[in-house]
Amino acid sequence: MTHRQGADLIDRLVDAWNAHDADGVAACYAPDAVSRDITLTEALHGRTAIRNAADAYLGAFPDLRLRATRVACDGDLICEEWRASGTHLGDLVGLAATGYPATMAGCNIIRLDANGEIASETTYTDAAGLYRQLHALPQLAEAAG
């Protein structure tokens, strides 16, 4: 895969997020893709799970905006740095809407399949920073205690 092809895939993925199109997000993934987020205990398996997760995030942040800040490609691997922003107006993995705006930085390490679709990804984010902006760290500490 060329750098341009990898960058085009990331453009399609970012465009789908910004269009709030969970089906479009899922279409960037292989049918049997695996998506891991280091802040969650379970990986997502398959397009349906990935679509449902995208829909949940879009529900939590209905004004979500995503921007790829850097994309590096090497064969079937892509490293994508990104920034997302939005207002927390819906449930976020059990955290009720806070009404606070937030910005989060992250990085995805992506492996593509032979069709140029995302076969696997691992997402690294500043979850503590997100929850701090949402004024939710005391709630999380209490729940863990």
N, C-alpha and C. Protein backbone atom coordinates (compact mmCIF):
# COMPACT_ATOMS: atom_id res chain seq x y z
N MET A 1 0.84 -1.17 0.00
CA MET A 1 0.00 0.00 0.00
C MET A 1 0.89 1.24 0.00
N THR A 2 0.55 2.19 -0.82
CA THR A 2 1.33 3.42 -0.89
C THR A 2 0.89 4.38 0.24
N HIS A 3 1.73 5.36 0.49
CA HIS A 3 1.38 6.37 1.49
C HIS A 3 0.06 7.04 1.10
N ARG A 4 -0.11 7.36 -0.16
CA ARG A 4 -1.33 8.03 -0.62
C ARG A 4 -2.56 7.17 -0.36
N GLN A 5 -2.47 5.86 -0.61
CA GLN A 5 -3.62 4.98 -0.36
C GLN A 5 -3.96 4.93 1.13
N GLY A 6 -2.93 4.86 1.98
CA GLY A 6 -3.16 4.88 3.42
C GLY A 6 -3.77 6.18 3.87
N ALA A 7 -3.24 7.29 3.35
CA ALA A 7 -3.77 8.61 3.70
C ALA A 7 -5.21 8.77 3.21
N ASP A 8 -5.52 8.21 2.04
CA ASP A 8 -6.90 8.27 1.53
C ASP A 8 -7.85 7.52 2.44
N LEU A 9 -7.43 6.36 2.95
CA LEU A 9 -8.27 5.59 3.87
C LEU A 9 -8.52 6.40 5.14
N ILE A 10 -7.48 7.02 5.67
CA ILE A 10 -7.64 7.84 6.88
C ILE A 10 -8.57 9.02 6.59
N ASP A 11 -8.45 9.63 5.41
CA ASP A 11 -9.37 10.72 5.03
C ASP A 11 -10.81 10.24 5.03
N ARG A 12 -11.07 9.04 4.46
CA ARG A 12 -12.44 8.49 4.43
C ARG A 12 -12.95 8.24 5.85
N LEU A 13 -12.07 7.71 6.69
CA LEU A 13 -12.44 7.42 8.07
C LEU A 13 -12.77 8.70 8.84
N VAL A 14 -11.92 9.71 8.72
CA VAL A 14 -12.15 10.99 9.39
C VAL A 14 -13.42 11.65 8.85
N ASP A 15 -13.61 11.61 7.54
CA ASP A 15 -14.81 12.19 6.94
C ASP A 15 -16.08 11.52 7.46
N ALA A 16 -16.03 10.19 7.63
CA ALA A 16 -17.20 9.47 8.14
C ALA A 16 -17.49 9.88 9.59
N TRP A 17 -16.44 9.98 10.41
CA TRP A 17 -16.64 10.45 11.79
C TRP A 17 -17.26 11.85 11.79
N ASN A 18 -16.72 12.73 10.96
CA ASN A 18 -17.20 14.12 10.96
C ASN A 18 -18.59 14.25 10.35
N ALA A 19 -18.99 13.31 9.53
CA ALA A 19 -20.35 13.28 8.98
C ALA A 19 -21.32 12.58 9.95
N HIS A 20 -20.78 12.07 11.05
CA HIS A 20 -21.55 11.34 12.05
C HIS A 20 -22.22 10.13 11.41
N ASP A 21 -21.44 9.43 10.60
CA ASP A 21 -21.90 8.29 9.81
C ASP A 21 -21.24 7.02 10.34
N ALA A 22 -21.88 6.39 11.33
CA ALA A 22 -21.32 5.18 11.94
C ALA A 22 -21.15 4.06 10.91
N ASP A 23 -22.07 3.96 9.95
CA ASP A 23 -21.94 2.95 8.90
C ASP A 23 -20.70 3.24 8.04
N GLY A 24 -20.47 4.52 7.75
CA GLY A 24 -19.29 4.90 6.97
C GLY A 24 -18.01 4.61 7.71
N VAL A 25 -18.01 4.82 9.04
CA VAL A 25 -16.84 4.46 9.85
C VAL A 25 -16.59 2.96 9.71
N ALA A 26 -17.62 2.17 9.94
CA ALA A 26 -17.49 0.71 9.91
C ALA A 26 -17.05 0.21 8.53
N ALA A 27 -17.45 0.89 7.47
CA ALA A 27 -17.10 0.46 6.11
C ALA A 27 -15.59 0.54 5.84
N CYS A 28 -14.86 1.27 6.66
CA CYS A 28 -13.40 1.36 6.49
C CYS A 28 -12.69 0.12 7.05
N TYR A 29 -13.43 -0.74 7.73
CA TYR A 29 -12.86 -1.91 8.41
C TYR A 29 -13.20 -3.19 7.65
N ALA A 30 -12.33 -4.17 7.76
CA ALA A 30 -12.59 -5.49 7.21
C ALA A 30 -13.74 -6.13 7.99
N PRO A 31 -14.48 -7.03 7.38
CA PRO A 31 -15.61 -7.66 8.08
C PRO A 31 -15.21 -8.31 9.41
N ASP A 32 -14.00 -8.84 9.49
CA ASP A 32 -13.55 -9.52 10.71
C ASP A 32 -12.50 -8.71 11.48
N ALA A 33 -12.51 -7.40 11.33
CA ALA A 33 -11.53 -6.53 11.96
C ALA A 33 -11.59 -6.64 13.48
N VAL A 34 -10.45 -6.34 14.11
CA VAL A 34 -10.35 -6.28 15.56
C VAL A 34 -9.86 -4.88 15.92
N SER A 35 -10.60 -4.22 16.81
CA SER A 35 -10.25 -2.87 17.24
C SER A 35 -10.06 -2.88 18.76
N ARG A 36 -8.86 -2.51 19.18
CA ARG A 36 -8.54 -2.46 20.61
C ARG A 36 -8.35 -1.02 21.04
N ASP A 37 -8.92 -0.67 22.16
CA ASP A 37 -8.72 0.63 22.80
C ASP A 37 -8.08 0.32 24.15
N ILE A 38 -6.91 0.88 24.40
CA ILE A 38 -6.19 0.50 25.62
C ILE A 38 -6.94 0.90 26.89
N THR A 39 -7.93 1.77 26.78
CA THR A 39 -8.69 2.17 27.96
C THR A 39 -9.84 1.21 28.27
N LEU A 40 -10.13 0.28 27.37
CA LEU A 40 -11.23 -0.66 27.55
C LEU A 40 -10.69 -2.07 27.73
N THR A 41 -11.45 -2.91 28.43
CA THR A 41 -10.97 -4.26 28.70
C THR A 41 -11.17 -5.22 27.54
N GLU A 42 -12.18 -5.01 26.74
CA GLU A 42 -12.50 -5.93 25.65
C GLU A 42 -12.28 -5.28 24.28
N ALA A 43 -11.71 -6.04 23.37
CA ALA A 43 -11.56 -5.58 21.99
C ALA A 43 -12.91 -5.69 21.28
N LEU A 44 -13.08 -4.89 20.25
CA LEU A 44 -14.25 -4.98 19.39
C LEU A 44 -13.91 -5.94 18.26
N HIS A 45 -14.85 -6.83 17.93
CA HIS A 45 -14.63 -7.82 16.88
C HIS A 45 -15.69 -7.65 15.80
N GLY A 46 -15.27 -7.27 14.60
CA GLY A 46 -16.16 -7.18 13.46
C GLY A 46 -16.77 -5.81 13.25
N ARG A 47 -17.24 -5.63 12.02
CA ARG A 47 -17.81 -4.34 11.62
C ARG A 47 -19.00 -3.92 12.46
N THR A 48 -19.87 -4.87 12.83
CA THR A 48 -21.06 -4.50 13.59
C THR A 48 -20.68 -3.91 14.94
N ALA A 49 -19.74 -4.54 15.64
CA ALA A 49 -19.30 -4.03 16.94
C ALA A 49 -18.64 -2.67 16.79
N ILE A 50 -17.85 -2.51 15.74
CA ILE A 50 -17.18 -1.23 15.49
C ILE A 50 -18.20 -0.16 15.15
N ARG A 51 -19.19 -0.49 14.36
CA ARG A 51 -20.26 0.45 14.02
C ARG A 51 -21.02 0.87 15.27
N ASN A 52 -21.35 -0.10 16.13
CA ASN A 52 -22.09 0.20 17.35
C ASN A 52 -21.28 1.09 18.29
N ALA A 53 -19.98 0.85 18.38
CA ALA A 53 -19.12 1.70 19.22
C ALA A 53 -19.05 3.11 18.66
N ALA A 54 -18.91 3.24 17.35
CA ALA A 54 -18.89 4.57 16.72
C ALA A 54 -20.20 5.29 17.01
N ASP A 55 -21.31 4.59 16.88
CA ASP A 55 -22.62 5.18 17.16
C ASP A 55 -22.72 5.64 18.61
N ALA A 56 -22.17 4.86 19.53
CA ALA A 56 -22.20 5.22 20.95
C ALA A 56 -21.38 6.49 21.21
N TYR A 57 -20.18 6.58 20.62
CA TYR A 57 -19.37 7.78 20.79
C TYR A 57 -20.04 9.00 20.17
N LEU A 58 -20.66 8.81 19.02
CA LEU A 58 -21.36 9.92 18.38
C LEU A 58 -22.57 10.33 19.20
N GLY A 59 -23.19 9.39 19.90
CA GLY A 59 -24.29 9.73 20.80
C GLY A 59 -23.81 10.49 22.03
N ALA A 60 -22.63 10.12 22.52
CA ALA A 60 -22.06 10.79 23.69
C ALA A 60 -21.59 12.20 23.34
N PHE A 61 -21.08 12.37 22.12
CA PHE A 61 -20.57 13.66 21.65
C PHE A 61 -21.22 13.99 20.30
N PRO A 62 -22.47 14.46 20.31
CA PRO A 62 -23.19 14.66 19.05
C PRO A 62 -22.60 15.75 18.15
N ASP A 63 -21.73 16.58 18.69
CA ASP A 63 -21.06 17.59 17.86
C ASP A 63 -19.59 17.22 17.62
N LEU A 64 -19.26 15.95 17.75
CA LEU A 64 -17.89 15.49 17.62
C LEU A 64 -17.25 15.94 16.31
N ARG A 65 -16.01 16.39 16.42
CA ARG A 65 -15.19 16.74 15.26
C ARG A 65 -13.85 16.06 15.43
N LEU A 66 -13.37 15.42 14.39
CA LEU A 66 -12.12 14.68 14.40
C LEU A 66 -11.19 15.25 13.35
N ARG A 67 -9.91 15.31 13.68
CA ARG A 67 -8.92 15.81 12.73
C ARG A 67 -7.68 14.94 12.84
N ALA A 68 -7.23 14.39 11.73
CA ALA A 68 -5.96 13.67 11.69
C ALA A 68 -4.85 14.71 11.65
N THR A 69 -3.93 14.64 12.61
CA THR A 69 -2.86 15.63 12.67
C THR A 69 -1.57 15.14 12.04
N ARG A 70 -1.41 13.81 11.97
CA ARG A 70 -0.23 13.25 11.31
C ARG A 70 -0.54 11.82 10.91
N VAL A 71 -0.12 11.45 9.71
CA VAL A 71 -0.33 10.10 9.21
C VAL A 71 0.99 9.60 8.64
N ALA A 72 1.43 8.44 9.12
CA ALA A 72 2.64 7.81 8.61
C ALA A 72 2.28 6.41 8.14
N CYS A 73 2.75 6.04 6.97
CA CYS A 73 2.43 4.74 6.39
C CYS A 73 3.72 3.99 6.07
N ASP A 74 3.71 2.69 6.33
CA ASP A 74 4.84 1.83 5.99
C ASP A 74 4.26 0.47 5.61
N GLY A 75 4.14 0.23 4.32
CA GLY A 75 3.54 -1.02 3.85
C GLY A 75 2.10 -1.11 4.29
N ASP A 76 1.77 -2.18 5.06
CA ASP A 76 0.38 -2.36 5.51
C ASP A 76 0.12 -1.75 6.88
N LEU A 77 1.07 -0.94 7.38
CA LEU A 77 0.90 -0.29 8.68
C LEU A 77 0.68 1.21 8.53
N ILE A 78 -0.22 1.74 9.33
CA ILE A 78 -0.49 3.18 9.37
C ILE A 78 -0.44 3.61 10.83
N CYS A 79 0.21 4.72 11.07
CA CYS A 79 0.17 5.37 12.38
C CYS A 79 -0.54 6.70 12.16
N GLU A 80 -1.65 6.87 12.86
CA GLU A 80 -2.46 8.09 12.70
C GLU A 80 -2.58 8.79 14.05
N GLU A 81 -2.05 10.00 14.12
CA GLU A 81 -2.30 10.83 15.29
C GLU A 81 -3.52 11.68 15.00
N TRP A 82 -4.35 11.92 16.03
CA TRP A 82 -5.58 12.65 15.81
C TRP A 82 -5.94 13.47 17.03
N ARG A 83 -6.86 14.42 16.82
CA ARG A 83 -7.47 15.21 17.89
C ARG A 83 -8.97 15.19 17.65
N ALA A 84 -9.70 14.98 18.72
CA ALA A 84 -11.15 14.99 18.65
C ALA A 84 -11.68 16.00 19.66
N SER A 85 -12.79 16.62 19.32
CA SER A 85 -13.41 17.56 20.24
C SER A 85 -14.92 17.42 20.14
N GLY A 86 -15.58 17.76 21.23
CA GLY A 86 -17.02 17.70 21.24
C GLY A 86 -17.54 18.01 22.63
N THR A 87 -18.85 18.08 22.72
CA THR A 87 -19.52 18.36 23.98
C THR A 87 -20.19 17.08 24.47
N HIS A 88 -19.94 16.73 25.72
CA HIS A 88 -20.43 15.48 26.29
C HIS A 88 -21.91 15.61 26.64
N LEU A 89 -22.77 15.17 25.72
CA LEU A 89 -24.22 15.34 25.89
C LEU A 89 -24.98 14.02 25.98
N GLY A 90 -24.25 12.89 26.01
CA GLY A 90 -24.90 11.58 26.11
C GLY A 90 -24.03 10.62 26.89
N ASP A 91 -24.56 9.44 27.17
CA ASP A 91 -23.84 8.43 27.94
C ASP A 91 -22.51 8.07 27.28
N LEU A 92 -21.46 8.02 28.09
CA LEU A 92 -20.12 7.63 27.63
C LEU A 92 -19.64 6.48 28.49
N VAL A 93 -19.83 5.27 28.01
CA VAL A 93 -19.41 4.06 28.71
C VAL A 93 -19.86 4.11 30.18
N GLY A 94 -21.12 4.46 30.39
CA GLY A 94 -21.68 4.49 31.74
C GLY A 94 -21.59 5.83 32.44
N LEU A 95 -20.91 6.81 31.86
CA LEU A 95 -20.83 8.14 32.44
C LEU A 95 -21.93 9.00 31.83
N ALA A 96 -22.87 9.43 32.67
CA ALA A 96 -23.98 10.26 32.19
C ALA A 96 -23.45 11.59 31.65
N ALA A 97 -24.21 12.18 30.76
CA ALA A 97 -23.84 13.45 30.12
C ALA A 97 -23.46 14.48 31.18
N THR A 98 -22.36 15.18 30.94
CA THR A 98 -21.92 16.24 31.85
C THR A 98 -22.18 17.62 31.28
N GLY A 99 -22.33 17.72 29.96
CA GLY A 99 -22.52 19.01 29.32
C GLY A 99 -21.22 19.77 29.08
N TYR A 100 -20.10 19.19 29.47
CA TYR A 100 -18.81 19.86 29.31
C TYR A 100 -18.20 19.60 27.94
N PRO A 101 -17.54 20.60 27.37
CA PRO A 101 -16.78 20.38 26.14
C PRO A 101 -15.45 19.71 26.48
N ALA A 102 -14.91 18.96 25.55
CA ALA A 102 -13.64 18.28 25.78
C ALA A 102 -12.90 18.12 24.47
N THR A 103 -11.59 18.05 24.58
CA THR A 103 -10.70 17.76 23.45
C THR A 103 -9.79 16.62 23.88
N MET A 104 -9.55 15.69 23.00
CA MET A 104 -8.71 14.55 23.32
C MET A 104 -7.77 14.26 22.16
N ALA A 105 -6.54 13.95 22.51
CA ALA A 105 -5.55 13.52 21.52
C ALA A 105 -5.45 12.01 21.57
N GLY A 106 -5.13 11.43 20.43
CA GLY A 106 -4.96 9.99 20.38
C GLY A 106 -4.10 9.57 19.21
N CYS A 107 -3.82 8.28 19.20
CA CYS A 107 -3.01 7.69 18.14
C CYS A 107 -3.53 6.30 17.87
N ASN A 108 -3.71 5.98 16.60
CA ASN A 108 -4.11 4.64 16.19
C ASN A 108 -2.97 3.99 15.43
N ILE A 109 -2.67 2.75 15.79
CA ILE A 109 -1.74 1.93 15.03
C ILE A 109 -2.61 0.93 14.27
N ILE A 110 -2.58 1.01 12.97
CA ILE A 110 -3.51 0.30 12.10
C ILE A 110 -2.75 -0.66 11.19
N ARG A 111 -3.29 -1.86 11.04
CA ARG A 111 -2.78 -2.81 10.05
C ARG A 111 -3.88 -3.05 9.03
N LEU A 112 -3.52 -2.95 7.76
CA LEU A 112 -4.48 -3.12 6.67
C LEU A 112 -4.44 -4.55 6.14
N ASP A 113 -5.55 -4.99 5.58
CA ASP A 113 -5.57 -6.29 4.91
C ASP A 113 -5.27 -6.09 3.43
N ALA A 114 -5.30 -7.17 2.67
CA ALA A 114 -4.97 -7.12 1.24
C ALA A 114 -5.94 -6.26 0.44
N ASN A 115 -7.16 -6.02 0.97
CA ASN A 115 -8.15 -5.19 0.29
C ASN A 115 -8.03 -3.71 0.66
N GLY A 116 -7.06 -3.37 1.49
CA GLY A 116 -6.89 -1.97 1.90
C GLY A 116 -7.86 -1.54 2.99
N GLU A 117 -8.49 -2.51 3.65
CA GLU A 117 -9.39 -2.21 4.76
C GLU A 117 -8.64 -2.42 6.07
N ILE A 118 -9.13 -1.80 7.13
CA ILE A 118 -8.49 -1.95 8.44
C ILE A 118 -8.77 -3.35 8.96
N ALA A 119 -7.69 -4.12 9.15
CA ALA A 119 -7.80 -5.48 9.69
C ALA A 119 -7.70 -5.45 11.21
N SER A 120 -6.82 -4.58 11.72
CA SER A 120 -6.69 -4.44 13.17
C SER A 120 -6.20 -3.04 13.49
N GLU A 121 -6.53 -2.61 14.69
CA GLU A 121 -6.05 -1.32 15.16
C GLU A 121 -5.95 -1.36 16.67
N THR A 122 -5.02 -0.57 17.18
CA THR A 122 -4.92 -0.32 18.60
C THR A 122 -4.96 1.19 18.78
N THR A 123 -5.84 1.64 19.67
CA THR A 123 -6.03 3.07 19.91
C THR A 123 -5.46 3.43 21.27
N TYR A 124 -4.61 4.46 21.27
CA TYR A 124 -4.01 4.99 22.49
C TYR A 124 -4.55 6.41 22.67
N THR A 125 -5.14 6.69 23.83
CA THR A 125 -5.71 8.02 24.08
C THR A 125 -5.36 8.51 25.47
N ASP A 126 -5.54 9.79 25.67
CA ASP A 126 -5.39 10.41 26.98
C ASP A 126 -6.75 10.40 27.66
N ALA A 127 -7.18 9.22 28.10
CA ALA A 127 -8.49 9.09 28.73
C ALA A 127 -8.58 9.88 30.03
N ALA A 128 -7.49 9.90 30.81
CA ALA A 128 -7.51 10.66 32.06
C ALA A 128 -7.75 12.14 31.78
N GLY A 129 -7.11 12.65 30.74
CA GLY A 129 -7.31 14.05 30.35
C GLY A 129 -8.75 14.31 29.95
N LEU A 130 -9.34 13.37 29.21
CA LEU A 130 -10.75 13.52 28.81
C LEU A 130 -11.64 13.57 30.04
N TYR A 131 -11.48 12.61 30.94
CA TYR A 131 -12.33 12.57 32.13
C TYR A 131 -12.10 13.77 33.04
N ARG A 132 -10.88 14.29 33.08
CA ARG A 132 -10.60 15.51 33.85
C ARG A 132 -11.41 16.68 33.26
N GLN A 133 -11.43 16.81 31.94
CA GLN A 133 -12.19 17.88 31.30
C GLN A 133 -13.69 17.74 31.54
N LEU A 134 -14.14 16.50 31.70
CA LEU A 134 -15.56 16.24 31.94
C LEU A 134 -15.90 16.32 33.43
N HIS A 135 -14.90 16.66 34.25
CA HIS A 135 -15.08 16.77 35.70
C HIS A 135 -15.56 15.44 36.27
N ALA A 136 -15.07 14.34 35.73
CA ALA A 136 -15.56 13.02 36.11
C ALA A 136 -14.54 12.20 36.89
N LEU A 137 -13.33 12.68 37.09
CA LEU A 137 -12.34 11.87 37.80
C LEU A 137 -12.78 11.52 39.22
N PRO A 138 -13.39 12.43 39.99
CA PRO A 138 -13.86 12.02 41.34
C PRO A 138 -14.89 10.90 41.27
N GLN A 139 -15.79 10.94 40.28
CA GLN A 139 -16.80 9.89 40.13
C GLN A 139 -16.14 8.57 39.81
N LEU A 140 -15.14 8.57 38.96
CA LEU A 140 -14.45 7.34 38.60
C LEU A 140 -13.69 6.78 39.79
N ALA A 141 -13.03 7.64 40.54
CA ALA A 141 -12.28 7.19 41.71
C ALA A 141 -13.23 6.58 42.74
N GLU A 142 -14.39 7.20 42.92
CA GLU A 142 -15.39 6.69 43.86
C GLU A 142 -15.90 5.32 43.40
N ALA A 143 -16.15 5.17 42.12
CA ALA A 143 -16.65 3.91 41.58
C ALA A 143 -15.62 2.79 41.72
N ALA A 144 -14.33 3.15 41.60
CA ALA A 144 -13.26 2.15 41.71
C ALA A 144 -12.99 1.76 43.15
N GLY A 145 -13.33 2.66 44.10
CA GLY A 145 -13.02 2.45 45.52
C GLY A 145 -13.85 1.43 46.14
